[in-house]
Full PDB file with SEQRES, HELIX, SHEET, SSBOND, CRYST1, ORIGX, SCALE, CONECT and MASTER records, all heavy atoms in Angstrom:
SEQRES   1 A   34  VAL ALA GLN VAL LEU ASN GLY THR GLU PHE GLU PRO ALA          
SEQRES   2 A   34  VAL ARG LEU ILE GLN SER PHE VAL ARG ARG ARG HIS PHE          
SEQRES   3 A   34  ILE LEU ARG GLU LYS ARG PRO PRO                              
HELIX    1 AA1 ALA A    2  LEU A    5  1                                   4    
HELIX    2 AA2 PRO A   12  ARG A   29  1                                  18    
CRYST1    1.000    1.000    1.000  90.00  90.00  90.00 P 1           1          
ORIGX1      1.000000  0.000000  0.000000        0.00000                         
ORIGX2      0.000000  1.000000  0.000000        0.00000                         
ORIGX3      0.000000  0.000000  1.000000        0.00000                         
SCALE1      1.000000  0.000000  0.000000        0.00000                         
SCALE2      0.000000  1.000000  0.000000        0.00000                         
SCALE3      0.000000  0.000000  1.000000        0.00000                         
ATOM      1  N   VAL A   1       0.831  -1.289   0.037  1.00  0.00           N  
ATOM      2  CA  VAL A   1      -0.039   0.021   0.008  1.00  0.00           C  
ATOM      3  C   VAL A   1       0.952   1.268   0.014  1.00  0.00           C  
ATOM      4  O   VAL A   1       0.566   2.270  -0.690  1.00  0.00           O  
ATOM      5  CB  VAL A   1      -0.904  -0.050   1.267  1.00  0.00           C  
ATOM      6  CG1 VAL A   1      -1.704   1.256   1.277  1.00  0.00           C  
ATOM      7  CG2 VAL A   1      -1.965  -1.271   1.136  1.00  0.00           C  
ATOM      8  N   ALA A   2       2.000   1.223   0.837  1.00  0.00           N  
ATOM      9  CA  ALA A   2       2.887   2.398   0.872  1.00  0.00           C  
ATOM     10  C   ALA A   2       3.529   2.540  -0.535  1.00  0.00           C  
ATOM     11  O   ALA A   2       3.607   3.829  -0.982  1.00  0.00           O  
ATOM     12  CB  ALA A   2       3.908   2.131   1.895  1.00  0.00           C  
ATOM     13  N   GLN A   3       3.979   1.600  -1.291  1.00  0.00           N  
ATOM     14  CA  GLN A   3       4.493   1.673  -2.571  1.00  0.00           C  
ATOM     15  C   GLN A   3       3.505   2.422  -3.635  1.00  0.00           C  
ATOM     16  O   GLN A   3       3.815   3.200  -4.335  1.00  0.00           O  
ATOM     17  CB  GLN A   3       5.045   0.251  -3.104  1.00  0.00           C  
ATOM     18  CG  GLN A   3       6.146  -0.284  -2.271  1.00  0.00           C  
ATOM     19  CD  GLN A   3       6.415  -1.620  -2.776  1.00  0.00           C  
ATOM     20  OE1 GLN A   3       5.974  -2.172  -3.702  1.00  0.00           O  
ATOM     21  NE2 GLN A   3       7.561  -2.223  -2.221  1.00  0.00           N  
ATOM     22  N   VAL A   4       2.274   2.045  -3.427  1.00  0.00           N  
ATOM     23  CA  VAL A   4       1.227   2.432  -4.406  1.00  0.00           C  
ATOM     24  C   VAL A   4       0.882   3.943  -4.116  1.00  0.00           C  
ATOM     25  O   VAL A   4       0.687   4.660  -5.028  1.00  0.00           O  
ATOM     26  CB  VAL A   4      -0.036   1.532  -4.452  1.00  0.00           C  
ATOM     27  CG1 VAL A   4      -1.123   2.093  -5.292  1.00  0.00           C  
ATOM     28  CG2 VAL A   4       0.343   0.079  -4.894  1.00  0.00           C  
ATOM     29  N   LEU A   5       0.707   4.246  -2.808  1.00  0.00           N  
ATOM     30  CA  LEU A   5       0.081   5.394  -2.407  1.00  0.00           C  
ATOM     31  C   LEU A   5       1.177   6.727  -2.370  1.00  0.00           C  
ATOM     32  O   LEU A   5       0.727   7.855  -2.417  1.00  0.00           O  
ATOM     33  CB  LEU A   5      -0.654   5.447  -1.212  1.00  0.00           C  
ATOM     34  CG  LEU A   5      -1.905   4.519  -1.105  1.00  0.00           C  
ATOM     35  CD1 LEU A   5      -2.512   4.513   0.143  1.00  0.00           C  
ATOM     36  CD2 LEU A   5      -2.782   4.911  -2.209  1.00  0.00           C  
ATOM     37  N   ASN A   6       2.456   6.258  -2.298  1.00  0.00           N  
ATOM     38  CA  ASN A   6       3.487   7.353  -2.100  1.00  0.00           C  
ATOM     39  C   ASN A   6       3.516   8.153  -3.398  1.00  0.00           C  
ATOM     40  O   ASN A   6       3.606   7.662  -4.502  1.00  0.00           O  
ATOM     41  CB  ASN A   6       4.835   6.703  -1.809  1.00  0.00           C  
ATOM     42  CG  ASN A   6       5.014   6.282  -0.388  1.00  0.00           C  
ATOM     43  OD1 ASN A   6       4.355   6.902   0.514  1.00  0.00           O  
ATOM     44  ND2 ASN A   6       5.828   5.345  -0.171  1.00  0.00           N  
ATOM     45  N   GLY A   7       3.517   9.591  -3.263  1.00  0.00           N  
ATOM     46  CA  GLY A   7       3.464  10.341  -4.294  1.00  0.00           C  
ATOM     47  C   GLY A   7       2.113  10.664  -4.841  1.00  0.00           C  
ATOM     48  O   GLY A   7       1.988  11.462  -5.855  1.00  0.00           O  
ATOM     49  N   THR A   8       0.946  10.159  -4.292  1.00  0.00           N  
ATOM     50  CA  THR A   8      -0.372  10.506  -4.781  1.00  0.00           C  
ATOM     51  C   THR A   8      -1.061  11.321  -3.690  1.00  0.00           C  
ATOM     52  O   THR A   8      -0.486  11.691  -2.635  1.00  0.00           O  
ATOM     53  CB  THR A   8      -1.139   9.152  -4.868  1.00  0.00           C  
ATOM     54  OG1 THR A   8      -1.180   8.662  -3.733  1.00  0.00           O  
ATOM     55  CG2 THR A   8      -0.389   8.243  -5.910  1.00  0.00           C  
ATOM     56  N   GLU A   9      -2.211  11.776  -4.077  1.00  0.00           N  
ATOM     57  CA  GLU A   9      -3.009  12.682  -3.075  1.00  0.00           C  
ATOM     58  C   GLU A   9      -3.503  11.829  -1.875  1.00  0.00           C  
ATOM     59  O   GLU A   9      -3.930  12.386  -1.040  1.00  0.00           O  
ATOM     60  CB  GLU A   9      -4.252  13.161  -3.834  1.00  0.00           C  
ATOM     61  CG  GLU A   9      -5.173  12.101  -4.338  1.00  0.00           C  
ATOM     62  CD  GLU A   9      -6.305  12.634  -5.058  1.00  0.00           C  
ATOM     63  OE1 GLU A   9      -6.763  13.764  -4.737  1.00  0.00           O  
ATOM     64  OE2 GLU A   9      -6.908  12.058  -6.140  1.00  0.00           O  
ATOM     65  N   PHE A  10      -3.388  10.496  -1.930  1.00  0.00           N  
ATOM     66  CA  PHE A  10      -3.792   9.593  -0.842  1.00  0.00           C  
ATOM     67  C   PHE A  10      -2.663   9.209   0.056  1.00  0.00           C  
ATOM     68  O   PHE A  10      -2.741   8.344   0.908  1.00  0.00           O  
ATOM     69  CB  PHE A  10      -4.567   8.440  -1.279  1.00  0.00           C  
ATOM     70  CG  PHE A  10      -5.654   8.666  -2.377  1.00  0.00           C  
ATOM     71  CD1 PHE A  10      -5.475   8.120  -3.637  1.00  0.00           C  
ATOM     72  CD2 PHE A  10      -6.723   9.308  -1.966  1.00  0.00           C  
ATOM     73  CE1 PHE A  10      -6.464   8.469  -4.598  1.00  0.00           C  
ATOM     74  CE2 PHE A  10      -7.727   9.591  -3.026  1.00  0.00           C  
ATOM     75  CZ  PHE A  10      -7.578   9.173  -4.212  1.00  0.00           C  
ATOM     76  N   GLU A  11      -1.511   9.894   0.034  1.00  0.00           N  
ATOM     77  CA  GLU A  11      -0.297   9.503   0.707  1.00  0.00           C  
ATOM     78  C   GLU A  11      -0.534   9.602   2.269  1.00  0.00           C  
ATOM     79  O   GLU A  11       0.074   8.821   3.058  1.00  0.00           O  
ATOM     80  CB  GLU A  11       0.806  10.405   0.426  1.00  0.00           C  
ATOM     81  CG  GLU A  11       2.219  10.022   0.921  1.00  0.00           C  
ATOM     82  CD  GLU A  11       3.364  10.732   0.365  1.00  0.00           C  
ATOM     83  OE1 GLU A  11       3.135  11.611  -0.586  1.00  0.00           O  
ATOM     84  OE2 GLU A  11       4.562  10.436   0.772  1.00  0.00           O  
ATOM     85  N   PRO A  12      -1.422  10.536   2.804  1.00  0.00           N  
ATOM     86  CA  PRO A  12      -1.665  10.487   4.388  1.00  0.00           C  
ATOM     87  C   PRO A  12      -2.102   9.149   4.852  1.00  0.00           C  
ATOM     88  O   PRO A  12      -1.961   8.760   5.956  1.00  0.00           O  
ATOM     89  CB  PRO A  12      -2.702  11.570   4.592  1.00  0.00           C  
ATOM     90  CG  PRO A  12      -2.528  12.533   3.307  1.00  0.00           C  
ATOM     91  CD  PRO A  12      -2.058  11.705   2.213  1.00  0.00           C  
ATOM     92  N   ALA A  13      -2.747   8.279   4.036  1.00  0.00           N  
ATOM     93  CA  ALA A  13      -3.182   7.063   4.502  1.00  0.00           C  
ATOM     94  C   ALA A  13      -1.960   6.107   4.818  1.00  0.00           C  
ATOM     95  O   ALA A  13      -2.133   5.315   5.739  1.00  0.00           O  
ATOM     96  CB  ALA A  13      -4.027   6.316   3.345  1.00  0.00           C  
ATOM     97  N   VAL A  14      -0.853   6.276   4.305  1.00  0.00           N  
ATOM     98  CA  VAL A  14       0.315   5.403   4.536  1.00  0.00           C  
ATOM     99  C   VAL A  14       0.747   5.610   5.986  1.00  0.00           C  
ATOM    100  O   VAL A  14       0.963   4.702   6.669  1.00  0.00           O  
ATOM    101  CB  VAL A  14       1.446   5.810   3.562  1.00  0.00           C  
ATOM    102  CG1 VAL A  14       2.715   5.004   4.028  1.00  0.00           C  
ATOM    103  CG2 VAL A  14       1.046   5.564   2.195  1.00  0.00           C  
ATOM    104  N   ARG A  15       0.679   6.982   6.452  1.00  0.00           N  
ATOM    105  CA  ARG A  15       1.058   7.290   7.879  1.00  0.00           C  
ATOM    106  C   ARG A  15       0.029   6.572   8.725  1.00  0.00           C  
ATOM    107  O   ARG A  15       0.466   6.083   9.885  1.00  0.00           O  
ATOM    108  CB  ARG A  15       1.129   8.693   8.060  1.00  0.00           C  
ATOM    109  CG  ARG A  15       1.513   9.182   9.505  1.00  0.00           C  
ATOM    110  CD  ARG A  15       1.636  10.677   9.593  1.00  0.00           C  
ATOM    111  NE  ARG A  15       0.310  11.336   9.115  1.00  0.00           N  
ATOM    112  CZ  ARG A  15      -0.760  11.344   9.828  1.00  0.00           C  
ATOM    113  NH1 ARG A  15      -0.822  10.951  11.137  1.00  0.00           N  
ATOM    114  NH2 ARG A  15      -1.858  12.003   9.435  1.00  0.00           N  
ATOM    115  N   LEU A  16      -1.229   6.658   8.481  1.00  0.00           N  
ATOM    116  CA  LEU A  16      -2.273   6.091   9.361  1.00  0.00           C  
ATOM    117  C   LEU A  16      -2.082   4.543   9.440  1.00  0.00           C  
ATOM    118  O   LEU A  16      -2.157   3.913  10.610  1.00  0.00           O  
ATOM    119  CB  LEU A  16      -3.651   6.414   8.893  1.00  0.00           C  
ATOM    120  CG  LEU A  16      -3.989   7.930   8.837  1.00  0.00           C  
ATOM    121  CD1 LEU A  16      -5.424   8.175   8.181  1.00  0.00           C  
ATOM    122  CD2 LEU A  16      -4.066   8.466  10.329  1.00  0.00           C  
ATOM    123  N   ILE A  17      -1.794   3.985   8.312  1.00  0.00           N  
ATOM    124  CA  ILE A  17      -1.666   2.390   8.314  1.00  0.00           C  
ATOM    125  C   ILE A  17      -0.457   2.018   9.008  1.00  0.00           C  
ATOM    126  O   ILE A  17      -0.476   1.056   9.831  1.00  0.00           O  
ATOM    127  CB  ILE A  17      -1.681   1.890   6.933  1.00  0.00           C  
ATOM    128  CG1 ILE A  17      -3.084   2.120   6.251  1.00  0.00           C  
ATOM    129  CG2 ILE A  17      -1.360   0.367   6.847  1.00  0.00           C  
ATOM    130  CD1 ILE A  17      -3.054   1.785   4.816  1.00  0.00           C  
ATOM    131  N   GLN A  18       0.683   2.664   8.932  1.00  0.00           N  
ATOM    132  CA  GLN A  18       1.911   2.391   9.576  1.00  0.00           C  
ATOM    133  C   GLN A  18       1.704   2.485  11.089  1.00  0.00           C  
ATOM    134  O   GLN A  18       2.201   1.686  11.904  1.00  0.00           O  
ATOM    135  CB  GLN A  18       3.019   3.213   9.016  1.00  0.00           C  
ATOM    136  CG  GLN A  18       3.400   2.940   7.603  1.00  0.00           C  
ATOM    137  CD  GLN A  18       4.477   3.789   7.099  1.00  0.00           C  
ATOM    138  OE1 GLN A  18       4.915   4.823   7.772  1.00  0.00           O  
ATOM    139  NE2 GLN A  18       5.112   3.418   5.933  1.00  0.00           N  
ATOM    140  N   SER A  19       0.962   3.574  11.453  1.00  0.00           N  
ATOM    141  CA  SER A  19       0.832   3.890  12.972  1.00  0.00           C  
ATOM    142  C   SER A  19      -0.051   2.725  13.486  1.00  0.00           C  
ATOM    143  O   SER A  19       0.150   2.088  14.583  1.00  0.00           O  
ATOM    144  CB  SER A  19       0.063   5.128  13.170  1.00  0.00           C  
ATOM    145  OG  SER A  19      -0.235   5.402  14.516  1.00  0.00           O  
ATOM    146  N   PHE A  20      -1.039   2.249  12.804  1.00  0.00           N  
ATOM    147  CA  PHE A  20      -1.888   1.092  13.184  1.00  0.00           C  
ATOM    148  C   PHE A  20      -1.121  -0.210  13.360  1.00  0.00           C  
ATOM    149  O   PHE A  20      -1.244  -1.025  14.137  1.00  0.00           O  
ATOM    150  CB  PHE A  20      -3.131   0.974  12.313  1.00  0.00           C  
ATOM    151  CG  PHE A  20      -3.971  -0.325  12.611  1.00  0.00           C  
ATOM    152  CD1 PHE A  20      -4.562  -0.392  13.737  1.00  0.00           C  
ATOM    153  CD2 PHE A  20      -3.877  -1.381  11.754  1.00  0.00           C  
ATOM    154  CE1 PHE A  20      -5.465  -1.538  13.986  1.00  0.00           C  
ATOM    155  CE2 PHE A  20      -4.606  -2.530  11.987  1.00  0.00           C  
ATOM    156  CZ  PHE A  20      -5.395  -2.565  13.180  1.00  0.00           C  
ATOM    157  N   VAL A  21      -0.233  -0.440  12.322  1.00  0.00           N  
ATOM    158  CA  VAL A  21       0.545  -1.696  12.294  1.00  0.00           C  
ATOM    159  C   VAL A  21       1.391  -1.701  13.512  1.00  0.00           C  
ATOM    160  O   VAL A  21       1.676  -2.766  14.115  1.00  0.00           O  
ATOM    161  CB  VAL A  21       1.303  -1.820  11.029  1.00  0.00           C  
ATOM    162  CG1 VAL A  21       2.389  -2.946  11.048  1.00  0.00           C  
ATOM    163  CG2 VAL A  21       0.424  -2.036   9.829  1.00  0.00           C  
ATOM    164  N   ARG A  22       2.029  -0.555  13.824  1.00  0.00           N  
ATOM    165  CA  ARG A  22       2.900  -0.460  15.115  1.00  0.00           C  
ATOM    166  C   ARG A  22       2.046  -0.823  16.441  1.00  0.00           C  
ATOM    167  O   ARG A  22       2.687  -1.449  17.166  1.00  0.00           O  
ATOM    168  CB  ARG A  22       3.607   0.850  15.135  1.00  0.00           C  
ATOM    169  CG  ARG A  22       4.634   1.031  14.192  1.00  0.00           C  
ATOM    170  CD  ARG A  22       5.540   2.319  14.489  1.00  0.00           C  
ATOM    171  NE  ARG A  22       4.784   3.537  14.562  1.00  0.00           N  
ATOM    172  CZ  ARG A  22       4.487   4.321  13.473  1.00  0.00           C  
ATOM    173  NH1 ARG A  22       5.085   4.005  12.388  1.00  0.00           N  
ATOM    174  NH2 ARG A  22       3.811   5.263  13.629  1.00  0.00           N  
ATOM    175  N   ARG A  23       0.868  -0.303  16.399  1.00  0.00           N  
ATOM    176  CA  ARG A  23       0.044  -0.589  17.640  1.00  0.00           C  
ATOM    177  C   ARG A  23      -0.682  -1.922  17.537  1.00  0.00           C  
ATOM    178  O   ARG A  23      -1.311  -2.314  18.632  1.00  0.00           O  
ATOM    179  CB  ARG A  23      -0.990   0.505  17.840  1.00  0.00           C  
ATOM    180  CG  ARG A  23      -0.235   1.992  17.965  1.00  0.00           C  
ATOM    181  CD  ARG A  23      -1.270   2.982  18.534  1.00  0.00           C  
ATOM    182  NE  ARG A  23      -2.592   2.903  17.723  1.00  0.00           N  
ATOM    183  CZ  ARG A  23      -2.763   3.494  16.571  1.00  0.00           C  
ATOM    184  NH1 ARG A  23      -1.841   4.262  15.995  1.00  0.00           N  
ATOM    185  NH2 ARG A  23      -3.960   3.390  15.943  1.00  0.00           N  
ATOM    186  N   ARG A  24      -0.844  -2.658  16.482  1.00  0.00           N  
ATOM    187  CA  ARG A  24      -1.544  -3.715  16.400  1.00  0.00           C  
ATOM    188  C   ARG A  24      -1.169  -4.812  17.363  1.00  0.00           C  
ATOM    189  O   ARG A  24      -2.098  -5.457  17.909  1.00  0.00           O  
ATOM    190  CB  ARG A  24      -1.615  -4.432  14.897  1.00  0.00           C  
ATOM    191  CG  ARG A  24      -2.471  -5.638  14.714  1.00  0.00           C  
ATOM    192  CD  ARG A  24      -2.620  -5.827  13.300  1.00  0.00           C  
ATOM    193  NE  ARG A  24      -1.307  -5.962  12.683  1.00  0.00           N  
ATOM    194  CZ  ARG A  24      -1.084  -6.107  11.347  1.00  0.00           C  
ATOM    195  NH1 ARG A  24      -2.229  -6.158  10.539  1.00  0.00           N  
ATOM    196  NH2 ARG A  24       0.123  -6.202  10.866  1.00  0.00           N  
ATOM    197  N   HIS A  25       0.098  -5.043  17.636  1.00  0.00           N  
ATOM    198  CA  HIS A  25       0.589  -6.038  18.551  1.00  0.00           C  
ATOM    199  C   HIS A  25      -0.052  -5.817  20.045  1.00  0.00           C  
ATOM    200  O   HIS A  25      -0.438  -6.649  20.744  1.00  0.00           O  
ATOM    201  CB  HIS A  25       2.158  -6.041  18.631  1.00  0.00           C  
ATOM    202  CG  HIS A  25       2.714  -6.912  19.633  1.00  0.00           C  
ATOM    203  ND1 HIS A  25       2.611  -8.339  19.533  1.00  0.00           N  
ATOM    204  CD2 HIS A  25       3.405  -6.659  20.834  1.00  0.00           C  
ATOM    205  CE1 HIS A  25       3.145  -8.818  20.533  1.00  0.00           C  
ATOM    206  NE2 HIS A  25       3.587  -7.882  21.357  1.00  0.00           N  
ATOM    207  N   PHE A  26       0.028  -4.526  20.421  1.00  0.00           N  
ATOM    208  CA  PHE A  26      -0.489  -4.162  21.764  1.00  0.00           C  
ATOM    209  C   PHE A  26      -2.035  -4.298  21.814  1.00  0.00           C  
ATOM    210  O   PHE A  26      -2.523  -4.777  22.775  1.00  0.00           O  
ATOM    211  CB  PHE A  26      -0.120  -2.633  22.083  1.00  0.00           C  
ATOM    212  CG  PHE A  26       1.379  -2.551  22.049  1.00  0.00           C  
ATOM    213  CD1 PHE A  26       1.946  -1.820  21.034  1.00  0.00           C  
ATOM    214  CD2 PHE A  26       2.147  -2.896  23.182  1.00  0.00           C  
ATOM    215  CE1 PHE A  26       3.368  -1.580  20.946  1.00  0.00           C  
ATOM    216  CE2 PHE A  26       3.496  -2.680  23.165  1.00  0.00           C  
ATOM    217  CZ  PHE A  26       4.184  -2.083  21.989  1.00  0.00           C  
ATOM    218  N   ILE A  27      -2.731  -3.997  20.632  1.00  0.00           N  
ATOM    219  CA  ILE A  27      -4.250  -4.160  20.640  1.00  0.00           C  
ATOM    220  C   ILE A  27      -4.562  -5.595  20.766  1.00  0.00           C  
ATOM    221  O   ILE A  27      -5.425  -6.069  21.566  1.00  0.00           O  
ATOM    222  CB  ILE A  27      -4.791  -3.655  19.399  1.00  0.00           C  
ATOM    223  CG1 ILE A  27      -4.535  -2.058  19.384  1.00  0.00           C  
ATOM    224  CG2 ILE A  27      -6.241  -3.866  19.257  1.00  0.00           C  
ATOM    225  CD1 ILE A  27      -4.940  -1.546  17.924  1.00  0.00           C  
ATOM    226  N   LEU A  28      -3.703  -6.526  20.020  1.00  0.00           N  
ATOM    227  CA  LEU A  28      -4.158  -7.918  20.180  1.00  0.00           C  
ATOM    228  C   LEU A  28      -3.663  -8.519  21.564  1.00  0.00           C  
ATOM    229  O   LEU A  28      -4.361  -9.286  22.149  1.00  0.00           O  
ATOM    230  CB  LEU A  28      -3.330  -8.705  19.065  1.00  0.00           C  
ATOM    231  CG  LEU A  28      -3.754  -8.335  17.606  1.00  0.00           C  
ATOM    232  CD1 LEU A  28      -2.879  -9.103  16.601  1.00  0.00           C  
ATOM    233  CD2 LEU A  28      -5.221  -8.689  17.457  1.00  0.00           C  
ATOM    234  N   ARG A  29      -2.640  -7.953  22.189  1.00  0.00           N  
ATOM    235  CA  ARG A  29      -2.266  -8.482  23.448  1.00  0.00           C  
ATOM    236  C   ARG A  29      -3.148  -8.148  24.509  1.00  0.00           C  
ATOM    237  O   ARG A  29      -3.433  -8.792  25.480  1.00  0.00           O  
ATOM    238  CB  ARG A  29      -0.828  -7.961  23.765  1.00  0.00           C  
ATOM    239  CG  ARG A  29      -0.186  -8.484  24.988  1.00  0.00           C  
ATOM    240  CD  ARG A  29       1.238  -8.014  25.161  1.00  0.00           C  
ATOM    241  NE  ARG A  29       1.215  -6.605  25.357  1.00  0.00           N  
ATOM    242  CZ  ARG A  29       2.383  -5.910  25.482  1.00  0.00           C  
ATOM    243  NH1 ARG A  29       3.594  -6.474  25.396  1.00  0.00           N  
ATOM    244  NH2 ARG A  29       2.320  -4.645  25.706  1.00  0.00           N  
ATOM    245  N   GLU A  30      -3.753  -6.832  24.351  1.00  0.00           N  
ATOM    246  CA  GLU A  30      -4.809  -6.400  25.332  1.00  0.00           C  
ATOM    247  C   GLU A  30      -6.153  -6.842  25.009  1.00  0.00           C  
ATOM    248  O   GLU A  30      -7.032  -6.661  25.856  1.00  0.00           O  
ATOM    249  CB  GLU A  30      -4.746  -4.860  25.369  1.00  0.00           C  
ATOM    250  CG  GLU A  30      -3.441  -4.353  25.916  1.00  0.00           C  
ATOM    251  CD  GLU A  30      -3.371  -2.756  25.846  1.00  0.00           C  
ATOM    252  OE1 GLU A  30      -4.470  -2.193  25.393  1.00  0.00           O  
ATOM    253  OE2 GLU A  30      -2.318  -2.189  26.043  1.00  0.00           O  
ATOM    254  N   LYS A  31      -6.306  -7.578  23.936  1.00  0.00           N  
ATOM    255  CA  LYS A  31      -7.667  -8.017  23.661  1.00  0.00           C  
ATOM    256  C   LYS A  31      -8.703  -7.114  23.376  1.00  0.00           C  
ATOM    257  O   LYS A  31      -9.731  -7.204  23.887  1.00  0.00           O  
ATOM    258  CB  LYS A  31      -8.022  -9.163  24.504  1.00  0.00           C  
ATOM    259  CG  LYS A  31      -7.067 -10.467  24.489  1.00  0.00           C  
ATOM    260  CD  LYS A  31      -7.569 -11.496  25.505  1.00  0.00           C  
ATOM    261  CE  LYS A  31      -6.602 -12.725  25.503  1.00  0.00           C  
ATOM    262  NZ  LYS A  31      -7.095 -13.712  26.504  1.00  0.00           N  
ATOM    263  N   ARG A  32      -8.289  -5.977  22.900  1.00  0.00           N  
ATOM    264  CA  ARG A  32      -9.237  -4.843  22.662  1.00  0.00           C  
ATOM    265  C   ARG A  32      -9.906  -5.100  21.248  1.00  0.00           C  
ATOM    266  O   ARG A  32      -9.246  -5.482  20.339  1.00  0.00           O  
ATOM    267  CB  ARG A  32      -8.538  -3.491  22.609  1.00  0.00           C  
ATOM    268  CG  ARG A  32      -8.117  -3.159  24.029  1.00  0.00           C  
ATOM    269  CD  ARG A  32      -7.611  -1.627  23.935  1.00  0.00           C  
ATOM    270  NE  ARG A  32      -6.470  -1.619  23.119  1.00  0.00           N  
ATOM    271  CZ  ARG A  32      -5.874  -0.561  22.635  1.00  0.00           C  
ATOM    272  NH1 ARG A  32      -6.484   0.663  22.871  1.00  0.00           N  
ATOM    273  NH2 ARG A  32      -4.817  -0.499  22.056  1.00  0.00           N  
ATOM    274  N   PRO A  33     -11.139  -4.764  21.168  1.00  0.00           N  
ATOM    275  CA  PRO A  33     -11.816  -4.781  19.879  1.00  0.00           C  
ATOM    276  C   PRO A  33     -11.168  -3.790  18.865  1.00  0.00           C  
ATOM    277  O   PRO A  33     -10.864  -2.661  19.352  1.00  0.00           O  
ATOM    278  CB  PRO A  33     -13.260  -4.434  20.162  1.00  0.00           C  
ATOM    279  CG  PRO A  33     -13.521  -4.705  21.458  1.00  0.00           C  
ATOM    280  CD  PRO A  33     -12.133  -4.399  22.238  1.00  0.00           C  
ATOM    281  N   PRO A  34     -10.727  -4.130  17.635  1.00  0.00           N  
ATOM    282  CA  PRO A  34     -10.105  -3.240  16.683  1.00  0.00           C  
ATOM    283  C   PRO A  34     -10.887  -2.047  16.441  1.00  0.00           C  
ATOM    284  O   PRO A  34     -10.244  -0.842  16.332  1.00  0.00           O  
ATOM    285  CB  PRO A  34      -9.899  -4.117  15.367  1.00  0.00           C  
ATOM    286  CG  PRO A  34      -9.964  -5.471  15.911  1.00  0.00           C  
ATOM    287  CD  PRO A  34     -10.911  -5.608  17.089  1.00  0.00           C  
TER     288      PRO A  34                                                      
MASTER        0    0    0    2    0    0    0    6  287    1    0    3          
END                                                                             
């Protein structure tokens, strides 16, 4: 997704997805609903 969206008008989505991927481990460990 980052390769496709970099340089386009939708590039802010890359930052949001990367932030979620970094936190996904903690979300799964705490068993929180996504």
